[in-house]
Amino acid sequence: MEDKKEFGQFYYFIFGVCLLLFFLVVVGFVVFANRKEEIIENEENGGNVVLNYSSNMPGLHLEKIVPTTDVVAKSNLKEGEFFDFSVSTSLDSATEINYEIVLVNNKQTTVKPDDLVVYLENEKNGAYIPVFEPKSLSALKKETDFDSPDGSMVLYNVKKTKSEDDKYRLRVWLSDKSLAESGNVDVEIQVYGKAK
């Protein structure tokens, strides 16, 4: 009788271990699947451009930001105050790919675009180099040749003759010349490209 009881406890133990392993596999898969988001922006003429980011939003959402000087904001490494992303180009059968990085100001932004300062850096050999110096938002009046929509802001144009991954860091802050004391910012990065 005791053997049957021990035998039953052994099965419960094995079942519990299997259930725990299954749970860990499911959690691991969910974490891995959400680790990186990819948005294919353009694929034509034998090449494509892909925007990669690891946060849950393709840009910055900042609340109750206050006016900040360019010197302070450019060096700010506080989590959530900057947005890291990369752009992967695959030439495949194309000879070159041109793409532009575009900033879109969403409706949740409560400060005037003129009061926002945008700064974009490109990572080279472990260091970030400015490619878009601190500048106020200036929206496009019409769509570009790459199909970047009117109302967006082109930050950087790139020409690629080989497949590569380019890493970028975006910062946005409220200008120290702004009359606004505080506000919310919601901006998004988009990439538009064409292969030749």
Foldseek 3Di string as FASTA:
>chain_A
DVVVVVVVVVVVVVVVVVVVVVVVVVVVVVCVVLQKDKDWADDDPFKTKIKIFGDPAQFAKDFWAFADALVDLVPDPPPRQKGKIKMWMARGPFQKKKKWKKKAWDPQWDDDQQQKWKWKWWDDPNDTDTPARTDGDDFACQADPLRDGTRIGTRDMDMDRHTDMIMMMMGMHGHPPDPDGTIITDMHMDMGMDTD
